[in-house]
C-alpha atoms as a PDB file:
ATOM      1  CA  MET A   1       5.004 -10.701 -12.920  1.00  0.00           C
ATOM      2  CA  LYS A   2       6.502 -13.834 -11.411  1.00  0.00           C
ATOM      3  CA  CYS A   3       8.119 -13.834  -8.016  1.00  0.00           C
ATOM      4  CA  ALA A   4      11.901 -14.166  -8.245  1.00  0.00           C
ATOM      5  CA  PRO A   5      13.088 -17.416  -6.639  1.00  0.00           C
ATOM      6  CA  LYS A   6      15.034 -16.716  -3.444  1.00  0.00           C
ATOM      7  CA  SER A   7      14.819 -17.401   0.209  1.00  0.00           C
ATOM      8  CA  ILE A   8      11.757 -15.231   0.498  1.00  0.00           C
ATOM      9  CA  SER A   9      10.536 -13.283   3.446  1.00  0.00           C
ATOM     10  CA  PRO A  10       6.990 -14.158   4.489  1.00  0.00           C
ATOM     11  CA  ALA A  11       4.400 -11.919   2.878  1.00  0.00           C
ATOM     12  CA  PHE A  12       1.690 -10.114   4.784  1.00  0.00           C
ATOM     13  CA  GLU A  13      -1.733  -8.664   4.199  1.00  0.00           C
ATOM     14  CA  THR A  14      -3.142  -5.697   6.110  1.00  0.00           C
ATOM     15  CA  ILE A  15      -6.926  -5.563   6.302  1.00  0.00           C
ATOM     16  CA  LYS A  16      -9.100  -2.974   7.993  1.00  0.00           C
ATOM     17  CA  ALA A  17     -11.870  -4.297  10.234  1.00  0.00           C
ATOM     18  CA  ASP A  18     -14.668  -2.143  11.630  1.00  0.00           C
ATOM     19  CA  ASP A  19     -16.729  -3.586  14.479  1.00  0.00           C
ATOM     20  CA  GLY A  20     -15.721  -7.117  13.511  1.00  0.00           C
ATOM     21  CA  VAL A  21     -16.384  -6.674   9.778  1.00  0.00           C
ATOM     22  CA  LEU A  22     -13.504  -7.109   7.308  1.00  0.00           C
ATOM     23  CA  GLN A  23     -13.437  -4.291   4.768  1.00  0.00           C
ATOM     24  CA  HIS A  24     -13.174  -4.986   1.008  1.00  0.00           C
ATOM     25  CA  ILE A  25     -12.095  -8.555   1.665  1.00  0.00           C
ATOM     26  CA  SER A  26     -12.459  -9.675  -1.982  1.00  0.00           C
ATOM     27  CA  TYR A  27      -9.565  -7.414  -3.027  1.00  0.00           C
ATOM     28  CA  HIS A  28      -7.362  -8.689  -0.198  1.00  0.00           C
ATOM     29  CA  GLN A  29      -8.287 -12.276  -1.041  1.00  0.00           C
ATOM     30  CA  ALA A  30      -7.260 -11.757  -4.669  1.00  0.00           C
ATOM     31  CA  ARG A  31      -3.812 -10.407  -3.721  1.00  0.00           C
ATOM     32  CA  PHE A  32      -3.359 -13.101  -1.074  1.00  0.00           C
ATOM     33  CA  ASP A  33      -4.169 -15.827  -3.644  1.00  0.00           C
ATOM     34  CA  LYS A  34      -1.903 -14.276  -6.295  1.00  0.00           C
ATOM     35  CA  THR A  35       1.076 -13.947  -3.948  1.00  0.00           C
ATOM     36  CA  ARG A  36       0.694 -17.478  -2.584  1.00  0.00           C
ATOM     37  CA  GLN A  37       0.604 -18.907  -6.087  1.00  0.00           C
ATOM     38  CA  GLU A  38       3.382 -16.810  -7.657  1.00  0.00           C
ATOM     39  CA  CYS A  39       5.805 -16.803  -4.717  1.00  0.00           C
ATOM     40  CA  TYR A  40       5.113 -20.012  -2.829  1.00  0.00           C
ATOM     41  CA  GLY A  41       3.557 -22.296  -5.465  1.00  0.00           C
ATOM     42  CA  SER A  42       0.327 -22.742  -3.525  1.00  0.00           C
ATOM     43  CA  VAL A  43      -2.838 -23.513  -5.462  1.00  0.00           C
ATOM     44  CA  ASP A  44      -5.066 -24.646  -2.583  1.00  0.00           C
ATOM     45  CA  LYS A  45      -7.601 -22.060  -1.461  1.00  0.00           C
ATOM     46  CA  ILE A  46      -7.574 -20.474   1.974  1.00  0.00           C
ATOM     47  CA  SER A  47     -10.591 -18.250   2.573  1.00  0.00           C
ATOM     48  CA  LEU A  48      -9.513 -15.241   4.639  1.00  0.00           C
ATOM     49  CA  SER A  49     -13.079 -14.428   5.652  1.00  0.00           C
ATOM     50  CA  SER A  50     -13.414 -17.934   7.093  1.00  0.00           C
ATOM     51  CA  VAL A  51     -10.269 -17.871   9.220  1.00  0.00           C
ATOM     52  CA  LEU A  52     -10.173 -14.250  10.413  1.00  0.00           C
ATOM     53  CA  MET A  53     -12.249 -13.195  13.416  1.00  0.00           C
ATOM     54  CA  PRO A  54     -11.633  -9.520  14.202  1.00  0.00           C
ATOM     55  CA  PRO A  55     -13.012  -8.211  17.494  1.00  0.00           C
ATOM     56  CA  LYS A  56     -16.200  -6.192  17.638  1.00  0.00           C
ATOM     57  CA  GLY A  57     -16.432  -2.700  19.087  1.00  0.00           C
ATOM     58  CA  LEU A  58     -13.343  -1.138  17.535  1.00  0.00           C
ATOM     59  CA  THR A  59     -11.499  -0.402  14.313  1.00  0.00           C
ATOM     60  CA  CYS A  60      -8.465  -2.603  13.973  1.00  0.00           C
ATOM     61  CA  ARG A  61      -5.632  -3.498  11.650  1.00  0.00           C
ATOM     62  CA  VAL A  62      -5.716  -7.186  10.835  1.00  0.00           C
ATOM     63  CA  ARG A  63      -2.212  -8.357   9.951  1.00  0.00           C
ATOM     64  CA  VAL A  64      -1.955 -11.762   8.270  1.00  0.00           C
ATOM     65  CA  GLU A  65       1.590 -13.088   7.814  1.00  0.00           C
ATOM     66  CA  TYR A  66       1.872 -16.012   5.418  1.00  0.00           C
ATOM     67  CA  THR A  67       3.862 -18.149   2.991  1.00  0.00           C
ATOM     68  CA  ASP A  68       2.028 -21.112   1.484  1.00  0.00           C
ATOM     69  CA  ALA A  69       0.163 -21.263   4.809  1.00  0.00           C
ATOM     70  CA  ILE A  70      -0.919 -18.610   7.293  1.00  0.00           C
ATOM     71  CA  LEU A  71       1.856 -18.177   9.852  1.00  0.00           C
ATOM     72  CA  HIS A  72       0.442 -15.544  12.187  1.00  0.00           C
ATOM     73  CA  VAL A  73      -2.602 -13.311  12.605  1.00  0.00           C
ATOM     74  CA  ALA A  74      -2.710 -10.187  14.764  1.00  0.00           C
ATOM     75  CA  TYR A  75      -5.603  -7.837  15.538  1.00  0.00           C
ATOM     76  CA  ILE A  76      -4.152  -4.420  16.365  1.00  0.00           C
ATOM     77  CA  PRO A  77      -6.272  -1.393  17.335  1.00  0.00           C
ATOM     78  CA  TYR A  78      -5.899   1.189  14.574  1.00  0.00           C
ATOM     79  CA  LEU A  79      -4.707   4.632  15.611  1.00  0.00           C
ATOM     80  CA  PRO A  80      -3.939   6.840  12.592  1.00  0.00           C
ATOM     81  CA  ARG A  81      -0.905   9.098  12.861  1.00  0.00           C
ATOM     82  CA  PRO A  82      -0.651  12.564  11.300  1.00  0.00           C
ATOM     83  CA  ILE A  83       1.274  12.649   8.017  1.00  0.00           C
ATOM     84  CA  ASN A  84       1.966  16.030   6.416  1.00  0.00           C
ATOM     85  CA  SER A  85       5.638  16.284   5.444  1.00  0.00           C
ATOM     86  CA  PHE A  86       7.279  14.199   2.723  1.00  0.00           C
ATOM     87  CA  CYS A  87      10.834  13.972   1.425  1.00  0.00           C
ATOM     88  CA  ILE A  88      11.381  12.873  -2.187  1.00  0.00           C
ATOM     89  CA  VAL A  89      13.978  10.086  -2.445  1.00  0.00           C
ATOM     90  CA  GLU A  90      15.361   8.329  -5.537  1.00  0.00           C
ATOM     91  CA  SER A  91      15.654   4.547  -5.409  1.00  0.00           C
ATOM     92  CA  HIS A  92      15.725   1.462  -7.621  1.00  0.00           C
ATOM     93  CA  ILE A  93      13.946  -0.589  -4.968  1.00  0.00           C
ATOM     94  CA  GLU A  94      11.687  -3.509  -5.989  1.00  0.00           C
ATOM     95  CA  TYR A  95       8.606  -4.180  -3.855  1.00  0.00           C
ATOM     96  CA  ALA A  96       5.989  -5.784  -6.120  1.00  0.00           C
ATOM     97  CA  TYR A  97       4.896  -8.115  -3.307  1.00  0.00           C
ATOM     98  CA  LYS A  98       3.971  -7.109   0.237  1.00  0.00           C
ATOM     99  CA  TRP A  99       6.942  -8.609   2.104  1.00  0.00           C
ATOM    100  CA  SER A 100       7.221  -8.670   5.876  1.00  0.00           C
ATOM    101  CA  ASP A 101      10.900  -7.765   5.486  1.00  0.00           C
ATOM    102  CA  ARG A 102      10.767  -3.990   4.879  1.00  0.00           C
ATOM    103  CA  THR A 103      14.472  -3.352   5.520  1.00  0.00           C
ATOM    104  CA  GLN A 104      15.054  -1.747   2.100  1.00  0.00           C
ATOM    105  CA  ILE A 105      12.084   0.599   2.438  1.00  0.00           C
ATOM    106  CA  ASN A 106      12.915   1.550   6.021  1.00  0.00           C
ATOM    107  CA  ALA A 107      16.481   2.397   4.943  1.00  0.00           C
ATOM    108  CA  LEU A 108      15.065   5.126   2.673  1.00  0.00           C
ATOM    109  CA  LEU A 109      13.250   6.979   5.468  1.00  0.00           C
ATOM    110  CA  VAL A 110      14.529  10.468   6.251  1.00  0.00           C
ATOM    111  CA  ASP A 111      14.675  11.914   9.774  1.00  0.00           C
ATOM    112  CA  GLY A 112      12.539  14.994  10.289  1.00  0.00           C
ATOM    113  CA  TYR A 113       9.832  13.978   7.798  1.00  0.00           C
ATOM    114  CA  ASP A 114       6.612  12.071   8.374  1.00  0.00           C
ATOM    115  CA  ASP A 115       7.209   9.934   5.265  1.00  0.00           C
ATOM    116  CA  ILE A 116       8.922   9.783   1.884  1.00  0.00           C
ATOM    117  CA  ILE A 117       7.841   9.821  -1.752  1.00  0.00           C
ATOM    118  CA  ILE A 118       9.850   7.284  -3.732  1.00  0.00           C
ATOM    119  CA  VAL A 119      10.926   8.208  -7.274  1.00  0.00           C
ATOM    120  CA  LYS A 120      12.201   5.396  -9.491  1.00  0.00           C
ATOM    121  CA  ASN A 121      13.550   5.888 -13.022  1.00  0.00           C
ATOM    122  CA  GLY A 122      12.202   9.438 -12.961  1.00  0.00           C
ATOM    123  CA  PHE A 123       8.632   8.510 -12.047  1.00  0.00           C
ATOM    124  CA  LEU A 124       6.705   8.896  -8.800  1.00  0.00           C
ATOM    125  CA  ARG A 125       5.883   5.549  -7.160  1.00  0.00           C
ATOM    126  CA  ASP A 126       4.640   5.362  -3.536  1.00  0.00           C
ATOM    127  CA  THR A 127       5.281   6.563  -0.021  1.00  0.00           C
ATOM    128  CA  SER A 128       6.755   4.042   2.418  1.00  0.00           C
ATOM    129  CA  ILE A 129       3.262   2.961   3.512  1.00  0.00           C
ATOM    130  CA  ALA A 130       0.806   4.059   0.849  1.00  0.00           C
ATOM    131  CA  ASN A 131       0.032   4.629  -2.795  1.00  0.00           C
ATOM    132  CA  ILE A 132      -0.363   8.259  -3.834  1.00  0.00           C
ATOM    133  CA  ALA A 133      -2.721  10.363  -5.927  1.00  0.00           C
ATOM    134  CA  LEU A 134      -2.477  13.881  -7.346  1.00  0.00           C
ATOM    135  CA  LEU A 135      -5.387  16.078  -8.358  1.00  0.00           C
ATOM    136  CA  ILE A 136      -4.382  17.637 -11.684  1.00  0.00           C
ATOM    137  CA  ASP A 137      -6.786  19.623 -13.874  1.00  0.00           C
ATOM    138  CA  GLY A 138      -9.683  18.387 -11.759  1.00  0.00           C
ATOM    139  CA  ARG A 139      -8.830  14.672 -12.135  1.00  0.00           C
ATOM    140  CA  TRP A 140      -7.328  12.361  -9.535  1.00  0.00           C
ATOM    141  CA  MET A 141      -4.268  10.623 -11.019  1.00  0.00           C
ATOM    142  CA  THR A 142      -2.200   7.801  -9.526  1.00  0.00           C
ATOM    143  CA  PRO A 143       1.157   6.451 -10.735  1.00  0.00           C
ATOM    144  CA  LYS A 144       0.771   3.893 -13.498  1.00  0.00           C
ATOM    145  CA  GLU A 145       3.558   1.740 -12.045  1.00  0.00           C
ATOM    146  CA  PRO A 146       3.557   1.974  -8.237  1.00  0.00           C
ATOM    147  CA  LEU A 147       6.014  -0.062  -6.221  1.00  0.00           C
ATOM    148  CA  LEU A 148       3.097  -2.056  -4.812  1.00  0.00           C
ATOM    149  CA  LYS A 149      -0.330  -2.275  -6.391  1.00  0.00           C
ATOM    150  CA  GLY A 150      -2.388  -1.623  -3.282  1.00  0.00           C
ATOM    151  CA  VAL A 151      -5.892  -3.029  -2.929  1.00  0.00           C
ATOM    152  CA  THR A 152      -7.534   0.345  -2.208  1.00  0.00           C
ATOM    153  CA  ARG A 153      -5.759   1.912  -5.183  1.00  0.00           C
ATOM    154  CA  GLN A 154      -6.998  -0.937  -7.375  1.00  0.00           C
ATOM    155  CA  ARG A 155     -10.562  -0.593  -6.104  1.00  0.00           C
ATOM    156  CA  LEU A 156     -10.561   3.146  -6.854  1.00  0.00           C
ATOM    157  CA  VAL A 157      -9.080   2.554 -10.315  1.00  0.00           C
ATOM    158  CA  ASP A 158     -11.750  -0.092 -10.994  1.00  0.00           C
ATOM    159  CA  SER A 159     -14.473   2.340  -9.920  1.00  0.00           C
ATOM    160  CA  GLY A 160     -13.183   5.027 -12.294  1.00  0.00           C
ATOM    161  CA  PHE A 161     -12.423   7.481  -9.465  1.00  0.00           C
ATOM    162  CA  LEU A 162      -8.662   7.227 -10.097  1.00  0.00           C
ATOM    163  CA  GLN A 163      -6.925   7.408 -13.453  1.00  0.00           C
ATOM    164  CA  VAL A 164      -3.455   5.937 -13.955  1.00  0.00           C
ATOM    165  CA  ALA A 165      -0.711   8.092 -15.474  1.00  0.00           C
ATOM    166  CA  ASN A 166       3.061   8.436 -15.669  1.00  0.00           C
ATOM    167  CA  LEU A 167       3.696  11.050 -12.978  1.00  0.00           C
ATOM    168  CA  THR A 168       7.032  12.770 -12.368  1.00  0.00           C
ATOM    169  CA  SER A 169       8.385  15.193  -9.786  1.00  0.00           C
ATOM    170  CA  GLU A 170       7.224  17.984 -12.111  1.00  0.00           C
ATOM    171  CA  SER A 171       3.675  16.662 -11.695  1.00  0.00           C
ATOM    172  CA  LEU A 172       3.863  17.701  -8.040  1.00  0.00           C
ATOM    173  CA  GLN A 173       4.211  21.322  -9.149  1.00  0.00           C
ATOM    174  CA  LYS A 174       0.997  21.066 -11.189  1.00  0.00           C
ATOM    175  CA  MET A 175      -1.130  19.345  -8.564  1.00  0.00           C
ATOM    176  CA  GLU A 176      -4.082  20.986  -6.858  1.00  0.00           C
ATOM    177  CA  LYS A 177      -4.292  18.404  -4.061  1.00  0.00           C
ATOM    178  CA  PHE A 178      -2.300  15.398  -2.797  1.00  0.00           C
ATOM    179  CA  ALA A 179      -3.652  12.179  -1.271  1.00  0.00           C
ATOM    180  CA  ILE A 180      -2.336   8.936   0.161  1.00  0.00           C
ATOM    181  CA  ILE A 181      -4.118   5.621  -0.232  1.00  0.00           C
ATOM    182  CA  ASN A 182      -4.040   2.319   1.629  1.00  0.00           C
ATOM    183  CA  ALA A 183      -6.404  -0.198   3.180  1.00  0.00           C
ATOM    184  CA  LEU A 184      -6.407   1.470   6.594  1.00  0.00           C
ATOM    185  CA  ILE A 185      -6.297   5.132   5.629  1.00  0.00           C
ATOM    186  CA  GLY A 186      -8.613   4.713   2.660  1.00  0.00           C
ATOM    187  CA  PHE A 187      -8.296   7.750   0.387  1.00  0.00           C
ATOM    188  CA  LYS A 188      -6.922  10.602   2.493  1.00  0.00           C
ATOM    189  CA  ILE A 189      -6.329  14.088   1.156  1.00  0.00           C
ATOM    190  CA  ILE A 190      -3.377  15.641   2.990  1.00  0.00           C
ATOM    191  CA  GLU A 191      -4.135  19.220   3.947  1.00  0.00           C
ATOM    192  CA  ASN A 192      -1.185  21.611   4.215  1.00  0.00           C
ATOM    193  CA  VAL A 193       1.099  19.047   2.603  1.00  0.00           C
ATOM    194  CA  TYR A 194       4.834  19.816   2.587  1.00  0.00           C
ATOM    195  CA  ILE A 195       6.993  18.048  -0.030  1.00  0.00           C
ATOM    196  CA  THR A 196      10.694  18.649  -0.591  1.00  0.00           C
ATOM    197  CA  ARG A 197      13.683  16.841  -2.091  1.00  0.00           C
ATOM    198  CA  LYS A 198      16.476  15.300  -0.031  1.00  0.00           C
END
């Protein structure tokens, strides 16, 4: 997929660092390279592991904002928040690249819920911050066409742990467990999950 020409928001990459060590950096590097080439026409290589220096002694969220060049880097202590309740929302939103401008996604959020589950063209996609997975018939399944192909999702698909499938709202009724997936959370099964429709 090629990036549509427009006055584009900067993109960003979110990388987990534990005690100064960047986690799964090869997957982040691949998405960083792909976005820079497809959206900003950059072919020169910038090695993230060479330019990022996360602090030791804590777990942090490394946020890299960039266009053809790196614009800003922040090292933010990571404090996970509880997420248990989700509201299903329908949208035709496009978010194939990890843009810094999240206005469209934020506009979908629903008061009173920890997060949302976005449904597009009848199929489950993502939450506002994570890919999703459903345990159905003993197998972990993730949407075949998420809004954003997250690096942790891709790593788990590559390993064979996750299988891709066309999942609908009806799939939620068949699931045995529900999980969210991103670079910071990893693969997190949500206990006592509550999902309803707006």
